[in-house]
Amino acid sequence: MKLNIKAARQRSQRRGLTFNEEKYIKRYKATLPILLWYIIVILFAKISPGFIPEIVILLIFLILTIKGLNDYFGWVKIKNTD
């Protein structure tokens, strides 16, 4: 992740834009699980077609999308009661 942040910072400096590291990390953490899920689904489709029912694929995609949006926008926050 540090290499991605460094590359993004350099890209934004070349373009003359300001770089917000916190926003970049949020966006990266929100999209990474969805991309990994797509890779897993593609691998399972190649190895054994029909192994995972379509409704399960869509349900997990929906859950990961909602989780990613929540991580990015911070709608639901869990607070420690300690």
PDB file of N, CA and C in Angstrom:
ATOM      1  N   MET A   1       0.820  -1.179   0.000  1.00  0.00           N
ATOM      2  CA  MET A   1       0.000   0.000   0.000  1.00  0.00           C
ATOM      3  C   MET A   1       0.873   1.254   0.000  1.00  0.00           C
ATOM      4  N   LYS A   2       2.005   1.175   0.666  1.00  0.00           N
ATOM      5  CA  LYS A   2       2.899   2.334   0.703  1.00  0.00           C
ATOM      6  C   LYS A   2       3.401   2.700  -0.700  1.00  0.00           C
ATOM      7  N   LEU A   3       3.665   1.670  -1.515  1.00  0.00           N
ATOM      8  CA  LEU A   3       4.105   1.938  -2.885  1.00  0.00           C
ATOM      9  C   LEU A   3       2.998   2.600  -3.701  1.00  0.00           C
ATOM     10  N   ASN A   4       1.753   2.173  -3.485  1.00  0.00           N
ATOM     11  CA  ASN A   4       0.632   2.790  -4.201  1.00  0.00           C
ATOM     12  C   ASN A   4       0.447   4.241  -3.783  1.00  0.00           C
ATOM     13  N   ILE A   5       0.618   4.521  -2.499  1.00  0.00           N
ATOM     14  CA  ILE A   5       0.483   5.898  -2.008  1.00  0.00           C
ATOM     15  C   ILE A   5       1.587   6.768  -2.604  1.00  0.00           C
ATOM     16  N   LYS A   6       2.797   6.220  -2.632  1.00  0.00           N
ATOM     17  CA  LYS A   6       3.923   6.973  -3.178  1.00  0.00           C
ATOM     18  C   LYS A   6       3.709   7.268  -4.659  1.00  0.00           C
ATOM     19  N   ALA A   7       3.246   6.271  -5.411  1.00  0.00           N
ATOM     20  CA  ALA A   7       3.002   6.461  -6.844  1.00  0.00           C
ATOM     21  C   ALA A   7       1.869   7.463  -7.078  1.00  0.00           C
ATOM     22  N   ALA A   8       0.824   7.391  -6.275  1.00  0.00           N
ATOM     23  CA  ALA A   8      -0.295   8.329  -6.425  1.00  0.00           C
ATOM     24  C   ALA A   8       0.135   9.747  -6.070  1.00  0.00           C
ATOM     25  N   ARG A   9       0.962   9.880  -5.065  1.00  0.00           N
ATOM     26  CA  ARG A   9       1.466  11.204  -4.687  1.00  0.00           C
ATOM     27  C   ARG A   9       2.302  11.803  -5.824  1.00  0.00           C
ATOM     28  N   GLN A  10       3.151  10.980  -6.425  1.00  0.00           N
ATOM     29  CA  GLN A  10       3.976  11.455  -7.538  1.00  0.00           C
ATOM     30  C   GLN A  10       3.126  11.825  -8.751  1.00  0.00           C
ATOM     31  N   ARG A  11       2.102  11.029  -9.036  1.00  0.00           N
ATOM     32  CA  ARG A  11       1.202  11.343 -10.150  1.00  0.00           C
ATOM     33  C   ARG A  11       0.494  12.675  -9.930  1.00  0.00           C
ATOM     34  N   SER A  12       0.015  12.883  -8.706  1.00  0.00           N
ATOM     35  CA  SER A  12      -0.703  14.134  -8.436  1.00  0.00           C
ATOM     36  C   SER A  12       0.249  15.333  -8.488  1.00  0.00           C
ATOM     37  N   GLN A  13       1.498  15.158  -8.072  1.00  0.00           N
ATOM     38  CA  GLN A  13       2.462  16.252  -8.149  1.00  0.00           C
ATOM     39  C   GLN A  13       2.803  16.578  -9.599  1.00  0.00           C
ATOM     40  N   ARG A  14       2.906  15.545 -10.448  1.00  0.00           N
ATOM     41  CA  ARG A  14       3.175  15.785 -11.869  1.00  0.00           C
ATOM     42  C   ARG A  14       2.029  16.543 -12.529  1.00  0.00           C
ATOM     43  N   ARG A  15       0.817  16.247 -12.082  1.00  0.00           N
ATOM     44  CA  ARG A  15      -0.360  16.914 -12.655  1.00  0.00           C
ATOM     45  C   ARG A  15      -0.643  18.261 -12.001  1.00  0.00           C
ATOM     46  N   GLY A  16       0.062  18.565 -10.942  1.00  0.00           N
ATOM     47  CA  GLY A  16      -0.129  19.834 -10.253  1.00  0.00           C
ATOM     48  C   GLY A  16      -1.329  19.852  -9.329  1.00  0.00           C
ATOM     49  N   LEU A  17      -1.751  18.676  -8.858  1.00  0.00           N
ATOM     50  CA  LEU A  17      -2.901  18.574  -7.958  1.00  0.00           C
ATOM     51  C   LEU A  17      -2.436  18.364  -6.527  1.00  0.00           C
ATOM     52  N   THR A  18      -3.289  18.694  -5.579  1.00  0.00           N
ATOM     53  CA  THR A  18      -2.969  18.411  -4.185  1.00  0.00           C
ATOM     54  C   THR A  18      -3.334  16.962  -3.892  1.00  0.00           C
ATOM     55  N   PHE A  19      -2.550  16.325  -3.058  1.00  0.00           N
ATOM     56  CA  PHE A  19      -2.746  14.914  -2.739  1.00  0.00           C
ATOM     57  C   PHE A  19      -3.246  14.785  -1.314  1.00  0.00           C
ATOM     58  N   ASN A  20      -4.392  14.145  -1.146  1.00  0.00           N
ATOM     59  CA  ASN A  20      -4.963  13.895   0.164  1.00  0.00           C
ATOM     60  C   ASN A  20      -4.770  12.411   0.488  1.00  0.00           C
ATOM     61  N   GLU A  21      -3.782  12.116   1.316  1.00  0.00           N
ATOM     62  CA  GLU A  21      -3.423  10.726   1.605  1.00  0.00           C
ATOM     63  C   GLU A  21      -4.544   9.989   2.326  1.00  0.00           C
ATOM     64  N   GLU A  22      -5.209  10.646   3.245  1.00  0.00           N
ATOM     65  CA  GLU A  22      -6.290  10.002   4.007  1.00  0.00           C
ATOM     66  C   GLU A  22      -7.439   9.590   3.083  1.00  0.00           C
ATOM     67  N   LYS A  23      -7.803  10.469   2.164  1.00  0.00           N
ATOM     68  CA  LYS A  23      -8.877  10.169   1.221  1.00  0.00           C
ATOM     69  C   LYS A  23      -8.478   9.035   0.286  1.00  0.00           C
ATOM     70  N   TYR A  24      -7.222   9.004  -0.132  1.00  0.00           N
ATOM     71  CA  TYR A  24      -6.740   7.945  -1.008  1.00  0.00           C
ATOM     72  C   TYR A  24      -6.778   6.595  -0.290  1.00  0.00           C
ATOM     73  N   ILE A  25      -6.369   6.563   0.965  1.00  0.00           N
ATOM     74  CA  ILE A  25      -6.379   5.317   1.736  1.00  0.00           C
ATOM     75  C   ILE A  25      -7.815   4.834   1.926  1.00  0.00           C
ATOM     76  N   LYS A  26      -8.730   5.747   2.216  1.00  0.00           N
ATOM     77  CA  LYS A  26     -10.140   5.367   2.367  1.00  0.00           C
ATOM     78  C   LYS A  26     -10.670   4.741   1.076  1.00  0.00           C
ATOM     79  N   ARG A  27     -10.383   5.379  -0.048  1.00  0.00           N
ATOM     80  CA  ARG A  27     -10.869   4.876  -1.328  1.00  0.00           C
ATOM     81  C   ARG A  27     -10.255   3.511  -1.634  1.00  0.00           C
ATOM     82  N   TYR A  28      -8.984   3.348  -1.321  1.00  0.00           N
ATOM     83  CA  TYR A  28      -8.286   2.098  -1.579  1.00  0.00           C
ATOM     84  C   TYR A  28      -8.869   0.969  -0.729  1.00  0.00           C
ATOM     85  N   LYS A  29      -9.115   1.248   0.557  1.00  0.00           N
ATOM     86  CA  LYS A  29      -9.678   0.230   1.440  1.00  0.00           C
ATOM     87  C   LYS A  29     -11.123  -0.091   1.096  1.00  0.00           C
ATOM     88  N   ALA A  30     -11.831   0.839   0.495  1.00  0.00           N
ATOM     89  CA  ALA A  30     -13.226   0.600   0.130  1.00  0.00           C
ATOM     90  C   ALA A  30     -13.342  -0.258  -1.127  1.00  0.00           C
ATOM     91  N   THR A  31     -12.429  -0.105  -2.066  1.00  0.00           N
ATOM     92  CA  THR A  31     -12.540  -0.829  -3.333  1.00  0.00           C
ATOM     93  C   THR A  31     -11.785  -2.152  -3.358  1.00  0.00           C
ATOM     94  N   LEU A  32     -10.795  -2.318  -2.525  1.00  0.00           N
ATOM     95  CA  LEU A  32      -9.979  -3.528  -2.571  1.00  0.00           C
ATOM     96  C   LEU A  32     -10.777  -4.813  -2.324  1.00  0.00           C
ATOM     97  N   PRO A  33     -11.660  -4.895  -1.308  1.00  0.00           N
ATOM     98  CA  PRO A  33     -12.414  -6.149  -1.124  1.00  0.00           C
ATOM     99  C   PRO A  33     -13.292  -6.503  -2.321  1.00  0.00           C
ATOM    100  N   ILE A  34     -13.867  -5.497  -2.973  1.00  0.00           N
ATOM    101  CA  ILE A  34     -14.711  -5.759  -4.133  1.00  0.00           C
ATOM    102  C   ILE A  34     -13.876  -6.313  -5.277  1.00  0.00           C
ATOM    103  N   LEU A  35     -12.704  -5.741  -5.504  1.00  0.00           N
ATOM    104  CA  LEU A  35     -11.830  -6.241  -6.569  1.00  0.00           C
ATOM    105  C   LEU A  35     -11.349  -7.661  -6.275  1.00  0.00           C
ATOM    106  N   LEU A  36     -11.012  -7.936  -5.026  1.00  0.00           N
ATOM    107  CA  LEU A  36     -10.587  -9.288  -4.666  1.00  0.00           C
ATOM    108  C   LEU A  36     -11.716 -10.294  -4.858  1.00  0.00           C
ATOM    109  N   TRP A  37     -12.956  -9.884  -4.542  1.00  0.00           N
ATOM    110  CA  TRP A  37     -14.094 -10.772  -4.730  1.00  0.00           C
ATOM    111  C   TRP A  37     -14.275 -11.104  -6.213  1.00  0.00           C
ATOM    112  N   TYR A  38     -14.119 -10.104  -7.093  1.00  0.00           N
ATOM    113  CA  TYR A  38     -14.215 -10.364  -8.518  1.00  0.00           C
ATOM    114  C   TYR A  38     -13.160 -11.364  -8.968  1.00  0.00           C
ATOM    115  N   ILE A  39     -11.946 -11.236  -8.458  1.00  0.00           N
ATOM    116  CA  ILE A  39     -10.874 -12.168  -8.830  1.00  0.00           C
ATOM    117  C   ILE A  39     -11.208 -13.578  -8.363  1.00  0.00           C
ATOM    118  N   ILE A  40     -11.722 -13.699  -7.141  1.00  0.00           N
ATOM    119  CA  ILE A  40     -12.092 -15.020  -6.610  1.00  0.00           C
ATOM    120  C   ILE A  40     -13.208 -15.640  -7.440  1.00  0.00           C
ATOM    121  N   VAL A  41     -14.210 -14.847  -7.787  1.00  0.00           N
ATOM    122  CA  VAL A  41     -15.322 -15.362  -8.591  1.00  0.00           C
ATOM    123  C   VAL A  41     -14.836 -15.820  -9.963  1.00  0.00           C
ATOM    124  N   ILE A  42     -13.967 -15.058 -10.584  1.00  0.00           N
ATOM    125  CA  ILE A  42     -13.439 -15.434 -11.893  1.00  0.00           C
ATOM    126  C   ILE A  42     -12.639 -16.728 -11.796  1.00  0.00           C
ATOM    127  N   LEU A  43     -11.825 -16.861 -10.743  1.00  0.00           N
ATOM    128  CA  LEU A  43     -11.060 -18.104 -10.571  1.00  0.00           C
ATOM    129  C   LEU A  43     -11.973 -19.304 -10.367  1.00  0.00           C
ATOM    130  N   PHE A  44     -13.000 -19.163  -9.524  1.00  0.00           N
ATOM    131  CA  PHE A  44     -13.935 -20.267  -9.314  1.00  0.00           C
ATOM    132  C   PHE A  44     -14.702 -20.594 -10.595  1.00  0.00           C
ATOM    133  N   ALA A  45     -15.030 -19.578 -11.381  1.00  0.00           N
ATOM    134  CA  ALA A  45     -15.747 -19.828 -12.637  1.00  0.00           C
ATOM    135  C   ALA A  45     -14.879 -20.610 -13.620  1.00  0.00           C
ATOM    136  N   LYS A  46     -13.574 -20.351 -13.593  1.00  0.00           N
ATOM    137  CA  LYS A  46     -12.664 -21.085 -14.478  1.00  0.00           C
ATOM    138  C   LYS A  46     -12.425 -22.504 -13.988  1.00  0.00           C
ATOM    139  N   ILE A  47     -12.294 -22.663 -12.668  1.00  0.00           N
ATOM    140  CA  ILE A  47     -11.979 -23.975 -12.106  1.00  0.00           C
ATOM    141  C   ILE A  47     -13.189 -24.907 -12.180  1.00  0.00           C
ATOM    142  N   SER A  48     -14.308 -24.454 -11.632  1.00  0.00           N
ATOM    143  CA  SER A  48     -15.502 -25.301 -11.652  1.00  0.00           C
ATOM    144  C   SER A  48     -16.735 -24.423 -11.864  1.00  0.00           C
ATOM    145  N   PRO A  49     -17.200 -24.352 -13.092  1.00  0.00           N
ATOM    146  CA  PRO A  49     -18.368 -23.513 -13.372  1.00  0.00           C
ATOM    147  C   PRO A  49     -19.602 -24.009 -12.620  1.00  0.00           C
ATOM    148  N   GLY A  50     -20.362 -23.084 -12.106  1.00  0.00           N
ATOM    149  CA  GLY A  50     -21.584 -23.434 -11.382  1.00  0.00           C
ATOM    150  C   GLY A  50     -21.355 -23.834  -9.947  1.00  0.00           C
ATOM    151  N   PHE A  51     -20.138 -23.692  -9.439  1.00  0.00           N
ATOM    152  CA  PHE A  51     -19.852 -24.083  -8.053  1.00  0.00           C
ATOM    153  C   PHE A  51     -20.536 -23.162  -7.056  1.00  0.00           C
ATOM    154  N   ILE A  52     -20.507 -21.870  -7.329  1.00  0.00           N
ATOM    155  CA  ILE A  52     -21.143 -20.895  -6.451  1.00  0.00           C
ATOM    156  C   ILE A  52     -22.417 -20.406  -7.138  1.00  0.00           C
ATOM    157  N   PRO A  53     -23.574 -20.552  -6.494  1.00  0.00           N
ATOM    158  CA  PRO A  53     -24.821 -20.063  -7.106  1.00  0.00           C
ATOM    159  C   PRO A  53     -24.776 -18.549  -7.331  1.00  0.00           C
ATOM    160  N   GLU A  54     -25.468 -18.097  -8.368  1.00  0.00           N
ATOM    161  CA  GLU A  54     -25.440 -16.681  -8.727  1.00  0.00           C
ATOM    162  C   GLU A  54     -25.966 -15.785  -7.617  1.00  0.00           C
ATOM    163  N   ILE A  55     -26.976 -16.232  -6.903  1.00  0.00           N
ATOM    164  CA  ILE A  55     -27.551 -15.400  -5.843  1.00  0.00           C
ATOM    165  C   ILE A  55     -26.539 -15.163  -4.727  1.00  0.00           C
ATOM    166  N   VAL A  56     -25.706 -16.153  -4.455  1.00  0.00           N
ATOM    167  CA  VAL A  56     -24.674 -15.999  -3.426  1.00  0.00           C
ATOM    168  C   VAL A  56     -23.621 -14.992  -3.890  1.00  0.00           C
ATOM    169  N   ILE A  57     -23.245 -15.062  -5.153  1.00  0.00           N
ATOM    170  CA  ILE A  57     -22.271 -14.125  -5.709  1.00  0.00           C
ATOM    171  C   ILE A  57     -22.797 -12.701  -5.608  1.00  0.00           C
ATOM    172  N   LEU A  58     -24.056 -12.504  -6.012  1.00  0.00           N
ATOM    173  CA  LEU A  58     -24.649 -11.169  -5.959  1.00  0.00           C
ATOM    174  C   LEU A  58     -24.819 -10.671  -4.535  1.00  0.00           C
ATOM    175  N   LEU A  59     -25.203 -11.564  -3.627  1.00  0.00           N
ATOM    176  CA  LEU A  59     -25.383 -11.176  -2.230  1.00  0.00           C
ATOM    177  C   LEU A  59     -24.063 -10.733  -1.598  1.00  0.00           C
ATOM    178  N   ILE A  60     -23.005 -11.484  -1.831  1.00  0.00           N
ATOM    179  CA  ILE A  60     -21.694 -11.115  -1.285  1.00  0.00           C
ATOM    180  C   ILE A  60     -21.201  -9.825  -1.926  1.00  0.00           C
ATOM    181  N   PHE A  61     -21.422  -9.655  -3.237  1.00  0.00           N
ATOM    182  CA  PHE A  61     -21.044  -8.414  -3.906  1.00  0.00           C
ATOM    183  C   PHE A  61     -21.789  -7.228  -3.296  1.00  0.00           C
ATOM    184  N   LEU A  62     -23.078  -7.386  -3.020  1.00  0.00           N
ATOM    185  CA  LEU A  62     -23.869  -6.323  -2.412  1.00  0.00           C
ATOM    186  C   LEU A  62     -23.353  -5.981  -1.017  1.00  0.00           C
ATOM    187  N   ILE A  63     -23.049  -6.998  -0.223  1.00  0.00           N
ATOM    188  CA  ILE A  63     -22.532  -6.767   1.132  1.00  0.00           C
ATOM    189  C   ILE A  63     -21.187  -6.044   1.075  1.00  0.00           C
ATOM    190  N   LEU A  64     -20.295  -6.477   0.185  1.00  0.00           N
ATOM    191  CA  LEU A  64     -18.991  -5.823   0.068  1.00  0.00           C
ATOM    192  C   LEU A  64     -19.121  -4.388  -0.435  1.00  0.00           C
ATOM    193  N   THR A  65     -20.074  -4.144  -1.311  1.00  0.00           N
ATOM    194  CA  THR A  65     -20.297  -2.791  -1.803  1.00  0.00           C
ATOM    195  C   THR A  65     -20.790  -1.884  -0.682  1.00  0.00           C
ATOM    196  N   ILE A  66     -21.746  -2.354   0.089  1.00  0.00           N
ATOM    197  CA  ILE A  66     -22.252  -1.557   1.217  1.00  0.00           C
ATOM    198  C   ILE A  66     -21.156  -1.322   2.243  1.00  0.00           C
ATOM    199  N   LYS A  67     -20.343  -2.358   2.524  1.00  0.00           N
ATOM    200  CA  LYS A  67     -19.240  -2.200   3.478  1.00  0.00           C
ATOM    201  C   LYS A  67     -18.229  -1.179   2.966  1.00  0.00           C
ATOM    202  N   GLY A  68     -17.913  -1.243   1.666  1.00  0.00           N
ATOM    203  CA  GLY A  68     -16.968  -0.291   1.078  1.00  0.00           C
ATOM    204  C   GLY A  68     -17.484   1.135   1.130  1.00  0.00           C
ATOM    205  N   LEU A  69     -18.764   1.323   0.829  1.00  0.00           N
ATOM    206  CA  LEU A  69     -19.354   2.660   0.921  1.00  0.00           C
ATOM    207  C   LEU A  69     -19.352   3.168   2.354  1.00  0.00           C
ATOM    208  N   ASN A  70     -19.635   2.269   3.302  1.00  0.00           N
ATOM    209  CA  ASN A  70     -19.615   2.662   4.708  1.00  0.00           C
ATOM    210  C   ASN A  70     -18.203   3.026   5.153  1.00  0.00           C
ATOM    211  N   ASP A  71     -17.219   2.263   4.709  1.00  0.00           N
ATOM    212  CA  ASP A  71     -15.838   2.591   5.063  1.00  0.00           C
ATOM    213  C   ASP A  71     -15.423   3.941   4.499  1.00  0.00           C
ATOM    214  N   TYR A  72     -15.890   4.247   3.295  1.00  0.00           N
ATOM    215  CA  TYR A  72     -15.502   5.504   2.650  1.00  0.00           C
ATOM    216  C   TYR A  72     -16.222   6.706   3.258  1.00  0.00           C
ATOM    217  N   PHE A  73     -17.532   6.588   3.415  1.00  0.00           N
ATOM    218  CA  PHE A  73     -18.305   7.720   3.905  1.00  0.00           C
ATOM    219  C   PHE A  73     -18.441   7.751   5.423  1.00  0.00           C
ATOM    220  N   GLY A  74     -18.249   6.619   6.102  1.00  0.00           N
ATOM    221  CA  GLY A  74     -18.315   6.576   7.554  1.00  0.00           C
ATOM    222  C   GLY A  74     -19.709   6.745   8.113  1.00  0.00           C
ATOM    223  N   TRP A  75     -20.702   6.112   7.487  1.00  0.00           N
ATOM    224  CA  TRP A  75     -22.078   6.235   7.950  1.00  0.00           C
ATOM    225  C   TRP A  75     -22.270   5.575   9.302  1.00  0.00           C
ATOM    226  N   VAL A  76     -21.786   4.353   9.479  1.00  0.00           N
ATOM    227  CA  VAL A  76     -21.947   3.615  10.717  1.00  0.00           C
ATOM    228  C   VAL A  76     -20.587   3.501  11.382  1.00  0.00           C
ATOM    229  N   LYS A  77     -20.497   3.959  12.609  1.00  0.00           N
ATOM    230  CA  LYS A  77     -19.234   3.869  13.343  1.00  0.00           C
ATOM    231  C   LYS A  77     -19.446   3.049  14.601  1.00  0.00           C
ATOM    232  N   ILE A  78     -18.512   2.171  14.883  1.00  0.00           N
ATOM    233  CA  ILE A  78     -18.564   1.347  16.080  1.00  0.00           C
ATOM    234  C   ILE A  78     -17.692   2.003  17.139  1.00  0.00           C
ATOM    235  N   LYS A  79     -18.282   2.304  18.273  1.00  0.00           N
ATOM    236  CA  LYS A  79     -17.539   2.970  19.350  1.00  0.00           C
ATOM    237  C   LYS A  79     -17.273   1.983  20.470  1.00  0.00           C
ATOM    238  N   ASN A  80     -16.090   2.089  21.040  1.00  0.00           N
ATOM    239  CA  ASN A  80     -15.756   1.281  22.217  1.00  0.00           C
ATOM    240  C   ASN A  80     -16.374   1.923  23.444  1.00  0.00           C
ATOM    241  N   THR A  81     -16.902   1.099  24.323  1.00  0.00           N
ATOM    242  CA  THR A  81     -17.527   1.624  25.537  1.00  0.00           C
ATOM    243  C   THR A  81     -16.581   1.588  26.726  1.00  0.00           C
ATOM    244  N   ASP A  82     -15.309   1.385  26.476  1.00  0.00           N
ATOM    245  CA  ASP A  82     -14.322   1.312  27.574  1.00  0.00           C
ATOM    246  C   ASP A  82     -14.064   2.681  28.140  1.00  0.00           C
TER     247      ASP A  82
END
